[in-house]
Amino acid sequence: TRGSCQLRMSDEMLNRVASRFRTLAEPYRLRILQVLMRGAMTVGEMVQALAGNQPNVSRHLQILYGAGIVRRRRGGTSVVYSLKSASVSSLFELVYQNEMSRPDIQSE
């Protein structure tokens, strides 16, 4: 119910949460995360899936990695990226469901 949350965060934690939301506020980064929800991928695979370009995808991946949202590992000559936590998928689902429940939003 509304107002039942007992969560109390310190100013430091509020700043960390705000920083995480700023990182997620970029639509292209959300597209990258949506692609990564399908599974781990190389930069080249993401470029193809997003019909993007390598420098742009790499730049956004570096930001997501720096924020601790994605992880990376060396896979031969490629770098493979994946979601660091399933919480990203949960957050996507929560926001999506909230948006779809609004009467002014048409189903896509």
PDB file of N, CA and C in Angstrom:
ATOM      1  N   THR A   1       0.836  -1.185   0.000  1.00  0.00           N
ATOM      2  CA  THR A   1       0.000   0.000   0.000  1.00  0.00           C
ATOM      3  C   THR A   1       0.870   1.233   0.000  1.00  0.00           C
ATOM      4  N   ARG A   2       0.287   2.326  -0.411  1.00  0.00           N
ATOM      5  CA  ARG A   2       1.027   3.573  -0.488  1.00  0.00           C
ATOM      6  C   ARG A   2       1.463   4.019   0.899  1.00  0.00           C
ATOM      7  N   GLY A   3       2.712   4.442   1.018  1.00  0.00           N
ATOM      8  CA  GLY A   3       3.234   4.951   2.268  1.00  0.00           C
ATOM      9  C   GLY A   3       3.671   3.883   3.258  1.00  0.00           C
ATOM     10  N   SER A   4       3.632   2.617   2.865  1.00  0.00           N
ATOM     11  CA  SER A   4       3.992   1.560   3.803  1.00  0.00           C
ATOM     12  C   SER A   4       5.488   1.255   3.809  1.00  0.00           C
ATOM     13  N   CYS A   5       6.247   1.849   2.914  1.00  0.00           N
ATOM     14  CA  CYS A   5       7.679   1.569   2.827  1.00  0.00           C
ATOM     15  C   CYS A   5       8.402   2.159   4.036  1.00  0.00           C
ATOM     16  N   GLN A   6       9.149   1.324   4.715  1.00  0.00           N
ATOM     17  CA  GLN A   6       9.882   1.761   5.899  1.00  0.00           C
ATOM     18  C   GLN A   6      11.354   2.027   5.582  1.00  0.00           C
ATOM     19  N   LEU A   7      11.709   2.009   4.300  1.00  0.00           N
ATOM     20  CA  LEU A   7      13.086   2.192   3.878  1.00  0.00           C
ATOM     21  C   LEU A   7      13.558   3.604   4.201  1.00  0.00           C
ATOM     22  N   ARG A   8      14.667   3.684   4.902  1.00  0.00           N
ATOM     23  CA  ARG A   8      15.273   4.979   5.220  1.00  0.00           C
ATOM     24  C   ARG A   8      16.718   4.921   4.768  1.00  0.00           C
ATOM     25  N   MET A   9      17.082   5.801   3.844  1.00  0.00           N
ATOM     26  CA  MET A   9      18.444   5.802   3.320  1.00  0.00           C
ATOM     27  C   MET A   9      19.207   7.022   3.811  1.00  0.00           C
ATOM     28  N   SER A  10      20.489   6.824   4.016  1.00  0.00           N
ATOM     29  CA  SER A  10      21.362   7.940   4.367  1.00  0.00           C
ATOM     30  C   SER A  10      21.523   8.829   3.137  1.00  0.00           C
ATOM     31  N   ASP A  11      22.008  10.028   3.355  1.00  0.00           N
ATOM     32  CA  ASP A  11      22.255  10.929   2.226  1.00  0.00           C
ATOM     33  C   ASP A  11      23.240  10.307   1.242  1.00  0.00           C
ATOM     34  N   GLU A  12      24.255   9.617   1.766  1.00  0.00           N
ATOM     35  CA  GLU A  12      25.234   8.970   0.888  1.00  0.00           C
ATOM     36  C   GLU A  12      24.562   7.917   0.008  1.00  0.00           C
ATOM     37  N   MET A  13      23.686   7.121   0.599  1.00  0.00           N
ATOM     38  CA  MET A  13      23.002   6.094  -0.174  1.00  0.00           C
ATOM     39  C   MET A  13      22.030   6.715  -1.176  1.00  0.00           C
ATOM     40  N   LEU A  14      21.334   7.767  -0.783  1.00  0.00           N
ATOM     41  CA  LEU A  14      20.439   8.460  -1.718  1.00  0.00           C
ATOM     42  C   LEU A  14      21.217   8.980  -2.920  1.00  0.00           C
ATOM     43  N   ASN A  15      22.415   9.498  -2.677  1.00  0.00           N
ATOM     44  CA  ASN A  15      23.255   9.976  -3.779  1.00  0.00           C
ATOM     45  C   ASN A  15      23.673   8.823  -4.690  1.00  0.00           C
ATOM     46  N   ARG A  16      23.977   7.666  -4.113  1.00  0.00           N
ATOM     47  CA  ARG A  16      24.359   6.494  -4.920  1.00  0.00           C
ATOM     48  C   ARG A  16      23.183   6.016  -5.765  1.00  0.00           C
ATOM     49  N   VAL A  17      21.995   5.996  -5.178  1.00  0.00           N
ATOM     50  CA  VAL A  17      20.801   5.577  -5.914  1.00  0.00           C
ATOM     51  C   VAL A  17      20.511   6.575  -7.040  1.00  0.00           C
ATOM     52  N   ALA A  18      20.626   7.860  -6.752  1.00  0.00           N
ATOM     53  CA  ALA A  18      20.405   8.885  -7.774  1.00  0.00           C
ATOM     54  C   ALA A  18      21.401   8.731  -8.924  1.00  0.00           C
ATOM     55  N   SER A  19      22.643   8.429  -8.596  1.00  0.00           N
ATOM     56  CA  SER A  19      23.656   8.214  -9.624  1.00  0.00           C
ATOM     57  C   SER A  19      23.292   7.030 -10.505  1.00  0.00           C
ATOM     58  N   ARG A  20      22.803   5.956  -9.893  1.00  0.00           N
ATOM     59  CA  ARG A  20      22.397   4.768 -10.662  1.00  0.00           C
ATOM     60  C   ARG A  20      21.244   5.122 -11.606  1.00  0.00           C
ATOM     61  N   PHE A  21      20.270   5.898 -11.118  1.00  0.00           N
ATOM     62  CA  PHE A  21      19.158   6.291 -11.973  1.00  0.00           C
ATOM     63  C   PHE A  21      19.608   7.223 -13.092  1.00  0.00           C
ATOM     64  N   ARG A  22      20.582   8.083 -12.827  1.00  0.00           N
ATOM     65  CA  ARG A  22      21.115   8.937 -13.902  1.00  0.00           C
ATOM     66  C   ARG A  22      21.748   8.081 -14.992  1.00  0.00           C
ATOM     67  N   THR A  23      22.465   7.041 -14.589  1.00  0.00           N
ATOM     68  CA  THR A  23      23.068   6.135 -15.567  1.00  0.00           C
ATOM     69  C   THR A  23      21.985   5.471 -16.407  1.00  0.00           C
ATOM     70  N   LEU A  24      20.895   5.084 -15.791  1.00  0.00           N
ATOM     71  CA  LEU A  24      19.811   4.398 -16.499  1.00  0.00           C
ATOM     72  C   LEU A  24      18.889   5.358 -17.254  1.00  0.00           C
ATOM     73  N   ALA A  25      19.088   6.655 -17.101  1.00  0.00           N
ATOM     74  CA  ALA A  25      18.203   7.638 -17.737  1.00  0.00           C
ATOM     75  C   ALA A  25      18.486   7.834 -19.225  1.00  0.00           C
ATOM     76  N   GLU A  26      19.492   7.182 -19.751  1.00  0.00           N
ATOM     77  CA  GLU A  26      19.858   7.297 -21.168  1.00  0.00           C
ATOM     78  C   GLU A  26      19.162   6.184 -21.961  1.00  0.00           C
ATOM     79  N   PRO A  27      18.261   6.524 -22.893  1.00  0.00           N
ATOM     80  CA  PRO A  27      17.524   5.489 -23.639  1.00  0.00           C
ATOM     81  C   PRO A  27      18.410   4.477 -24.356  1.00  0.00           C
ATOM     82  N   TYR A  28      19.550   4.894 -24.902  1.00  0.00           N
ATOM     83  CA  TYR A  28      20.399   3.939 -25.611  1.00  0.00           C
ATOM     84  C   TYR A  28      20.968   2.893 -24.649  1.00  0.00           C
ATOM     85  N   ARG A  29      21.281   3.311 -23.421  1.00  0.00           N
ATOM     86  CA  ARG A  29      21.768   2.350 -22.421  1.00  0.00           C
ATOM     87  C   ARG A  29      20.664   1.367 -22.053  1.00  0.00           C
ATOM     88  N   LEU A  30      19.434   1.850 -22.002  1.00  0.00           N
ATOM     89  CA  LEU A  30      18.318   0.945 -21.733  1.00  0.00           C
ATOM     90  C   LEU A  30      18.141  -0.055 -22.870  1.00  0.00           C
ATOM     91  N   ARG A  31      18.362   0.385 -24.104  1.00  0.00           N
ATOM     92  CA  ARG A  31      18.304  -0.544 -25.236  1.00  0.00           C
ATOM     93  C   ARG A  31      19.382  -1.620 -25.103  1.00  0.00           C
ATOM     94  N   ILE A  32      20.576  -1.214 -24.707  1.00  0.00           N
ATOM     95  CA  ILE A  32      21.669  -2.176 -24.500  1.00  0.00           C
ATOM     96  C   ILE A  32      21.279  -3.183 -23.424  1.00  0.00           C
ATOM     97  N   LEU A  33      20.743  -2.695 -22.313  1.00  0.00           N
ATOM     98  CA  LEU A  33      20.353  -3.600 -21.228  1.00  0.00           C
ATOM     99  C   LEU A  33      19.240  -4.544 -21.673  1.00  0.00           C
ATOM    100  N   GLN A  34      18.314  -4.036 -22.452  1.00  0.00           N
ATOM    101  CA  GLN A  34      17.233  -4.875 -22.955  1.00  0.00           C
ATOM    102  C   GLN A  34      17.789  -6.005 -23.811  1.00  0.00           C
ATOM    103  N   VAL A  35      18.777  -5.704 -24.640  1.00  0.00           N
ATOM    104  CA  VAL A  35      19.427  -6.734 -25.464  1.00  0.00           C
ATOM    105  C   VAL A  35      20.158  -7.735 -24.567  1.00  0.00           C
ATOM    106  N   LEU A  36      20.844  -7.238 -23.538  1.00  0.00           N
ATOM    107  CA  LEU A  36      21.586  -8.124 -22.649  1.00  0.00           C
ATOM    108  C   LEU A  36      20.677  -9.009 -21.796  1.00  0.00           C
ATOM    109  N   MET A  37      19.411  -8.643 -21.678  1.00  0.00           N
ATOM    110  CA  MET A  37      18.475  -9.504 -20.949  1.00  0.00           C
ATOM    111  C   MET A  37      18.269 -10.829 -21.671  1.00  0.00           C
ATOM    112  N   ARG A  38      18.597 -10.887 -22.952  1.00  0.00           N
ATOM    113  CA  ARG A  38      18.514 -12.134 -23.720  1.00  0.00           C
ATOM    114  C   ARG A  38      19.673 -13.073 -23.390  1.00  0.00           C
ATOM    115  N   GLY A  39      20.764 -12.511 -22.879  1.00  0.00           N
ATOM    116  CA  GLY A  39      21.941 -13.301 -22.541  1.00  0.00           C
ATOM    117  C   GLY A  39      23.218 -12.541 -22.842  1.00  0.00           C
ATOM    118  N   ALA A  40      24.335 -13.109 -22.453  1.00  0.00           N
ATOM    119  CA  ALA A  40      25.644 -12.481 -22.644  1.00  0.00           C
ATOM    120  C   ALA A  40      25.937 -12.308 -24.126  1.00  0.00           C
ATOM    121  N   MET A  41      26.618 -11.219 -24.467  1.00  0.00           N
ATOM    122  CA  MET A  41      26.947 -10.918 -25.859  1.00  0.00           C
ATOM    123  C   MET A  41      28.273 -10.188 -25.949  1.00  0.00           C
ATOM    124  N   THR A  42      28.891 -10.331 -27.094  1.00  0.00           N
ATOM    125  CA  THR A  42      30.082  -9.545 -27.397  1.00  0.00           C
ATOM    126  C   THR A  42      29.638  -8.158 -27.880  1.00  0.00           C
ATOM    127  N   VAL A  43      30.585  -7.240 -27.930  1.00  0.00           N
ATOM    128  CA  VAL A  43      30.284  -5.905 -28.444  1.00  0.00           C
ATOM    129  C   VAL A  43      29.772  -6.006 -29.881  1.00  0.00           C
ATOM    130  N   GLY A  44      30.421  -6.838 -30.691  1.00  0.00           N
ATOM    131  CA  GLY A  44      29.999  -6.999 -32.085  1.00  0.00           C
ATOM    132  C   GLY A  44      28.572  -7.501 -32.211  1.00  0.00           C
ATOM    133  N   GLU A  45      28.211  -8.455 -31.365  1.00  0.00           N
ATOM    134  CA  GLU A  45      26.832  -8.969 -31.385  1.00  0.00           C
ATOM    135  C   GLU A  45      25.836  -7.886 -30.984  1.00  0.00           C
ATOM    136  N   MET A  46      26.220  -7.061 -30.012  1.00  0.00           N
ATOM    137  CA  MET A  46      25.330  -5.967 -29.593  1.00  0.00           C
ATOM    138  C   MET A  46      25.203  -4.908 -30.671  1.00  0.00           C
ATOM    139  N   VAL A  47      26.313  -4.594 -31.334  1.00  0.00           N
ATOM    140  CA  VAL A  47      26.270  -3.632 -32.438  1.00  0.00           C
ATOM    141  C   VAL A  47      25.275  -4.111 -33.484  1.00  0.00           C
ATOM    142  N   GLN A  48      25.342  -5.385 -33.820  1.00  0.00           N
ATOM    143  CA  GLN A  48      24.429  -5.949 -34.807  1.00  0.00           C
ATOM    144  C   GLN A  48      22.990  -5.928 -34.299  1.00  0.00           C
ATOM    145  N   ALA A  49      22.757  -6.333 -33.059  1.00  0.00           N
ATOM    146  CA  ALA A  49      21.404  -6.383 -32.498  1.00  0.00           C
ATOM    147  C   ALA A  49      20.770  -4.998 -32.399  1.00  0.00           C
ATOM    148  N   LEU A  50      21.607  -3.989 -32.170  1.00  0.00           N
ATOM    149  CA  LEU A  50      21.109  -2.624 -32.007  1.00  0.00           C
ATOM    150  C   LEU A  50      21.160  -1.812 -33.296  1.00  0.00           C
ATOM    151  N   ALA A  51      21.724  -2.405 -34.356  1.00  0.00           N
ATOM    152  CA  ALA A  51      21.960  -1.670 -35.600  1.00  0.00           C
ATOM    153  C   ALA A  51      22.692  -0.364 -35.285  1.00  0.00           C
ATOM    154  N   GLY A  52      23.682  -0.481 -34.404  1.00  0.00           N
ATOM    155  CA  GLY A  52      24.432   0.690 -33.966  1.00  0.00           C
ATOM    156  C   GLY A  52      25.833   0.693 -34.526  1.00  0.00           C
ATOM    157  N   ASN A  53      26.700   1.466 -33.886  1.00  0.00           N
ATOM    158  CA  ASN A  53      28.100   1.474 -34.288  1.00  0.00           C
ATOM    159  C   ASN A  53      28.958   1.145 -33.074  1.00  0.00           C
ATOM    160  N   GLN A  54      30.093   0.536 -33.339  1.00  0.00           N
ATOM    161  CA  GLN A  54      30.950   0.004 -32.281  1.00  0.00           C
ATOM    162  C   GLN A  54      31.405   1.064 -31.278  1.00  0.00           C
ATOM    163  N   PRO A  55      31.870   2.247 -31.713  1.00  0.00           N
ATOM    164  CA  PRO A  55      32.328   3.222 -30.714  1.00  0.00           C
ATOM    165  C   PRO A  55      31.212   3.657 -29.751  1.00  0.00           C
ATOM    166  N   ASN A  56      30.007   3.838 -30.276  1.00  0.00           N
ATOM    167  CA  ASN A  56      28.887   4.275 -29.443  1.00  0.00           C
ATOM    168  C   ASN A  56      28.483   3.180 -28.450  1.00  0.00           C
ATOM    169  N   VAL A  57      28.355   1.954 -28.927  1.00  0.00           N
ATOM    170  CA  VAL A  57      27.996   0.837 -28.050  1.00  0.00           C
ATOM    171  C   VAL A  57      29.075   0.657 -26.982  1.00  0.00           C
ATOM    172  N   SER A  58      30.330   0.692 -27.372  1.00  0.00           N
ATOM    173  CA  SER A  58      31.427   0.525 -26.413  1.00  0.00           C
ATOM    174  C   SER A  58      31.430   1.615 -25.353  1.00  0.00           C
ATOM    175  N   ARG A  59      31.171   2.844 -25.758  1.00  0.00           N
ATOM    176  CA  ARG A  59      31.142   3.973 -24.812  1.00  0.00           C
ATOM    177  C   ARG A  59      30.055   3.762 -23.759  1.00  0.00           C
ATOM    178  N   HIS A  60      28.864   3.389 -24.204  1.00  0.00           N
ATOM    179  CA  HIS A  60      27.764   3.175 -23.263  1.00  0.00           C
ATOM    180  C   HIS A  60      28.015   1.950 -22.381  1.00  0.00           C
ATOM    181  N   LEU A  61      28.612   0.910 -22.942  1.00  0.00           N
ATOM    182  CA  LEU A  61      28.949  -0.266 -22.140  1.00  0.00           C
ATOM    183  C   LEU A  61      29.958   0.084 -21.052  1.00  0.00           C
ATOM    184  N   GLN A  62      30.918   0.928 -21.373  1.00  0.00           N
ATOM    185  CA  GLN A  62      31.910   1.351 -20.385  1.00  0.00           C
ATOM    186  C   GLN A  62      31.238   2.087 -19.233  1.00  0.00           C
ATOM    187  N   ILE A  63      30.266   2.927 -19.545  1.00  0.00           N
ATOM    188  CA  ILE A  63      29.527   3.655 -18.505  1.00  0.00           C
ATOM    189  C   ILE A  63      28.737   2.675 -17.636  1.00  0.00           C
ATOM    190  N   LEU A  64      28.062   1.725 -18.274  1.00  0.00           N
ATOM    191  CA  LEU A  64      27.286   0.725 -17.537  1.00  0.00           C
ATOM    192  C   LEU A  64      28.202  -0.152 -16.677  1.00  0.00           C
ATOM    193  N   TYR A  65      29.365  -0.481 -17.203  1.00  0.00           N
ATOM    194  CA  TYR A  65      30.337  -1.278 -16.453  1.00  0.00           C
ATOM    195  C   TYR A  65      30.856  -0.477 -15.250  1.00  0.00           C
ATOM    196  N   GLY A  66      31.199   0.765 -15.474  1.00  0.00           N
ATOM    197  CA  GLY A  66      31.692   1.631 -14.396  1.00  0.00           C
ATOM    198  C   GLY A  66      30.673   1.822 -13.283  1.00  0.00           C
ATOM    199  N   ALA A  67      29.393   1.781 -13.647  1.00  0.00           N
ATOM    200  CA  ALA A  67      28.321   1.935 -12.659  1.00  0.00           C
ATOM    201  C   ALA A  67      27.992   0.620 -11.966  1.00  0.00           C
ATOM    202  N   GLY A  68      28.635  -0.475 -12.397  1.00  0.00           N
ATOM    203  CA  GLY A  68      28.389  -1.765 -11.773  1.00  0.00           C
ATOM    204  C   GLY A  68      27.100  -2.440 -12.217  1.00  0.00           C
ATOM    205  N   ILE A  69      26.595  -2.065 -13.376  1.00  0.00           N
ATOM    206  CA  ILE A  69      25.333  -2.614 -13.868  1.00  0.00           C
ATOM    207  C   ILE A  69      25.567  -3.825 -14.770  1.00  0.00           C
ATOM    208  N   VAL A  70      26.674  -3.815 -15.498  1.00  0.00           N
ATOM    209  CA  VAL A  70      27.034  -4.962 -16.333  1.00  0.00           C
ATOM    210  C   VAL A  70      28.405  -5.478 -15.904  1.00  0.00           C
ATOM    211  N   ARG A  71      28.678  -6.710 -16.269  1.00  0.00           N
ATOM    212  CA  ARG A  71      30.005  -7.291 -16.039  1.00  0.00           C
ATOM    213  C   ARG A  71      30.582  -7.649 -17.394  1.00  0.00           C
ATOM    214  N   ARG A  72      31.886  -7.835 -17.415  1.00  0.00           N
ATOM    215  CA  ARG A  72      32.547  -8.225 -18.662  1.00  0.00           C
ATOM    216  C   ARG A  72      33.609  -9.259 -18.369  1.00  0.00           C
ATOM    217  N   ARG A  73      33.837 -10.077 -19.375  1.00  0.00           N
ATOM    218  CA  ARG A  73      34.893 -11.088 -19.269  1.00  0.00           C
ATOM    219  C   ARG A  73      35.486 -11.276 -20.661  1.00  0.00           C
ATOM    220  N   ARG A  74      36.704 -11.676 -20.665  1.00  0.00           N
ATOM    221  CA  ARG A  74      37.397 -11.938 -21.923  1.00  0.00           C
ATOM    222  C   ARG A  74      36.931 -13.284 -22.439  1.00  0.00           C
ATOM    223  N   GLY A  75      36.533 -13.339 -23.696  1.00  0.00           N
ATOM    224  CA  GLY A  75      36.123 -14.586 -24.348  1.00  0.00           C
ATOM    225  C   GLY A  75      36.933 -14.756 -25.613  1.00  0.00           C
ATOM    226  N   GLY A  76      38.155 -15.275 -25.481  1.00  0.00           N
ATOM    227  CA  GLY A  76      39.057 -15.369 -26.623  1.00  0.00           C
ATOM    228  C   GLY A  76      39.564 -13.990 -26.979  1.00  0.00           C
ATOM    229  N   THR A  77      39.276 -13.547 -28.195  1.00  0.00           N
ATOM    230  CA  THR A  77      39.715 -12.212 -28.627  1.00  0.00           C
ATOM    231  C   THR A  77      38.640 -11.158 -28.400  1.00  0.00           C
ATOM    232  N   SER A  78      37.481 -11.569 -27.894  1.00  0.00           N
ATOM    233  CA  SER A  78      36.362 -10.649 -27.680  1.00  0.00           C
ATOM    234  C   SER A  78      36.130 -10.415 -26.195  1.00  0.00           C
ATOM    235  N   VAL A  79      35.412  -9.349 -25.910  1.00  0.00           N
ATOM    236  CA  VAL A  79      34.942  -9.086 -24.559  1.00  0.00           C
ATOM    237  C   VAL A  79      33.452  -9.389 -24.547  1.00  0.00           C
ATOM    238  N   VAL A  80      33.032 -10.201 -23.578  1.00  0.00           N
ATOM    239  CA  VAL A  80      31.639 -10.612 -23.475  1.00  0.00           C
ATOM    240  C   VAL A  80      31.013  -9.864 -22.299  1.00  0.00           C
ATOM    241  N   TYR A  81      29.874  -9.223 -22.560  1.00  0.00           N
ATOM    242  CA  TYR A  81      29.156  -8.467 -21.530  1.00  0.00           C
ATOM    243  C   TYR A  81      27.902  -9.209 -21.124  1.00  0.00           C
ATOM    244  N   SER A  82      27.530  -9.042 -19.853  1.00  0.00           N
ATOM    245  CA  SER A  82      26.286  -9.613 -19.340  1.00  0.00           C
ATOM    246  C   SER A  82      25.783  -8.724 -18.211  1.00  0.00           C
ATOM    247  N   LEU A  83      24.529  -8.908 -17.853  1.00  0.00           N
ATOM    248  CA  LEU A  83      23.968  -8.172 -16.724  1.00  0.00           C
ATOM    249  C   LEU A  83      24.634  -8.665 -15.443  1.00  0.00           C
ATOM    250  N   LYS A  84      24.934  -7.744 -14.566  1.00  0.00           N
ATOM    251  CA  LYS A  84      25.582  -8.120 -13.310  1.00  0.00           C
ATOM    252  C   LYS A  84      24.575  -8.707 -12.333  1.00  0.00           C
ATOM    253  N   SER A  85      23.316  -8.296 -12.454  1.00  0.00           N
ATOM    254  CA  SER A  85      22.293  -8.745 -11.517  1.00  0.00           C
ATOM    255  C   SER A  85      20.949  -8.829 -12.221  1.00  0.00           C
ATOM    256  N   ALA A  86      20.135  -9.758 -11.788  1.00  0.00           N
ATOM    257  CA  ALA A  86      18.773  -9.886 -12.329  1.00  0.00           C
ATOM    258  C   ALA A  86      17.893  -8.716 -11.882  1.00  0.00           C
ATOM    259  N   SER A  87      18.376  -7.923 -10.949  1.00  0.00           N
ATOM    260  CA  SER A  87      17.571  -6.789 -10.477  1.00  0.00           C
ATOM    261  C   SER A  87      17.289  -5.789 -11.588  1.00  0.00           C
ATOM    262  N   VAL A  88      18.161  -5.705 -12.592  1.00  0.00           N
ATOM    263  CA  VAL A  88      17.914  -4.812 -13.722  1.00  0.00           C
ATOM    264  C   VAL A  88      16.652  -5.248 -14.464  1.00  0.00           C
ATOM    265  N   SER A  89      16.526  -6.547 -14.699  1.00  0.00           N
ATOM    266  CA  SER A  89      15.328  -7.067 -15.355  1.00  0.00           C
ATOM    267  C   SER A  89      14.093  -6.800 -14.511  1.00  0.00           C
ATOM    268  N   SER A  90      14.213  -6.969 -13.215  1.00  0.00           N
ATOM    269  CA  SER A  90      13.088  -6.719 -12.310  1.00  0.00           C
ATOM    270  C   SER A  90      12.677  -5.255 -12.345  1.00  0.00           C
ATOM    271  N   LEU A  91      13.658  -4.358 -12.373  1.00  0.00           N
ATOM    272  CA  LEU A  91      13.361  -2.933 -12.436  1.00  0.00           C
ATOM    273  C   LEU A  91      12.663  -2.593 -13.751  1.00  0.00           C
ATOM    274  N   PHE A  92      13.159  -3.127 -14.863  1.00  0.00           N
ATOM    275  CA  PHE A  92      12.516  -2.932 -16.161  1.00  0.00           C
ATOM    276  C   PHE A  92      11.054  -3.366 -16.097  1.00  0.00           C
ATOM    277  N   GLU A  93      10.830  -4.566 -15.581  1.00  0.00           N
ATOM    278  CA  GLU A  93       9.478  -5.119 -15.513  1.00  0.00           C
ATOM    279  C   GLU A  93       8.570  -4.259 -14.647  1.00  0.00           C
ATOM    280  N   LEU A  94       9.073  -3.805 -13.517  1.00  0.00           N
ATOM    281  CA  LEU A  94       8.295  -2.964 -12.611  1.00  0.00           C
ATOM    282  C   LEU A  94       7.883  -1.656 -13.281  1.00  0.00           C
ATOM    283  N   VAL A  95       8.832  -0.979 -13.902  1.00  0.00           N
ATOM    284  CA  VAL A  95       8.533   0.288 -14.554  1.00  0.00           C
ATOM    285  C   VAL A  95       7.599   0.065 -15.752  1.00  0.00           C
ATOM    286  N   TYR A  96       7.851  -0.992 -16.525  1.00  0.00           N
ATOM    287  CA  TYR A  96       6.994  -1.298 -17.671  1.00  0.00           C
ATOM    288  C   TYR A  96       5.556  -1.544 -17.215  1.00  0.00           C
ATOM    289  N   GLN A  97       5.377  -2.390 -16.209  1.00  0.00           N
ATOM    290  CA  GLN A  97       4.027  -2.689 -15.710  1.00  0.00           C
ATOM    291  C   GLN A  97       3.343  -1.423 -15.199  1.00  0.00           C
ATOM    292  N   ASN A  98       4.096  -0.574 -14.515  1.00  0.00           N
ATOM    293  CA  ASN A  98       3.545   0.682 -14.017  1.00  0.00           C
ATOM    294  C   ASN A  98       3.094   1.569 -15.165  1.00  0.00           C
ATOM    295  N   GLU A  99       3.910   1.656 -16.196  1.00  0.00           N
ATOM    296  CA  GLU A  99       3.556   2.482 -17.358  1.00  0.00           C
ATOM    297  C   GLU A  99       2.348   1.920 -18.101  1.00  0.00           C
ATOM    298  N   MET A 100       2.300   0.602 -18.248  1.00  0.00           N
ATOM    299  CA  MET A 100       1.195  -0.021 -18.977  1.00  0.00           C
ATOM    300  C   MET A 100      -0.124   0.081 -18.216  1.00  0.00           C
ATOM    301  N   SER A 101      -0.051   0.279 -16.913  1.00  0.00           N
ATOM    302  CA  SER A 101      -1.275   0.399 -16.131  1.00  0.00           C
ATOM    303  C   SER A 101      -1.856   1.812 -16.178  1.00  0.00           C
ATOM    304  N   ARG A 102      -1.123   2.741 -16.735  1.00  0.00           N
ATOM    305  CA  ARG A 102      -1.634   4.104 -16.868  1.00  0.00           C
ATOM    306  C   ARG A 102      -2.708   4.136 -17.946  1.00  0.00           C
ATOM    307  N   PRO A 103      -3.822   4.801 -17.686  1.00  0.00           N
ATOM    308  CA  PRO A 103      -4.912   4.815 -18.673  1.00  0.00           C
ATOM    309  C   PRO A 103      -4.571   5.563 -19.949  1.00  0.00           C
ATOM    310  N   ASP A 104      -3.572   6.428 -19.931  1.00  0.00           N
ATOM    311  CA  ASP A 104      -3.230   7.210 -21.114  1.00  0.00           C
ATOM    312  C   ASP A 104      -2.211   6.525 -22.011  1.00  0.00           C
ATOM    313  N   ILE A 105      -1.759   5.304 -21.663  1.00  0.00           N
ATOM    314  CA  ILE A 105      -0.761   4.584 -22.427  1.00  0.00           C
ATOM    315  C   ILE A 105      -1.450   3.499 -23.257  1.00  0.00           C
ATOM    316  N   GLN A 106      -1.151   3.489 -24.550  1.00  0.00           N
ATOM    317  CA  GLN A 106      -1.677   2.447 -25.432  1.00  0.00           C
ATOM    318  C   GLN A 106      -0.759   1.245 -25.366  1.00  0.00           C
ATOM    319  N   SER A 107      -1.310   0.058 -25.457  1.00  0.00           N
ATOM    320  CA  SER A 107      -0.512  -1.158 -25.498  1.00  0.00           C
ATOM    321  C   SER A 107       0.293  -1.197 -26.779  1.00  0.00           C
ATOM    322  N   GLU A 108       1.595  -1.601 -26.656  1.00  0.00           N
ATOM    323  CA  GLU A 108       2.454  -1.675 -27.845  1.00  0.00           C
ATOM    324  C   GLU A 108       2.583  -3.075 -28.307  1.00  0.00           C
TER     325      GLU A 108
END
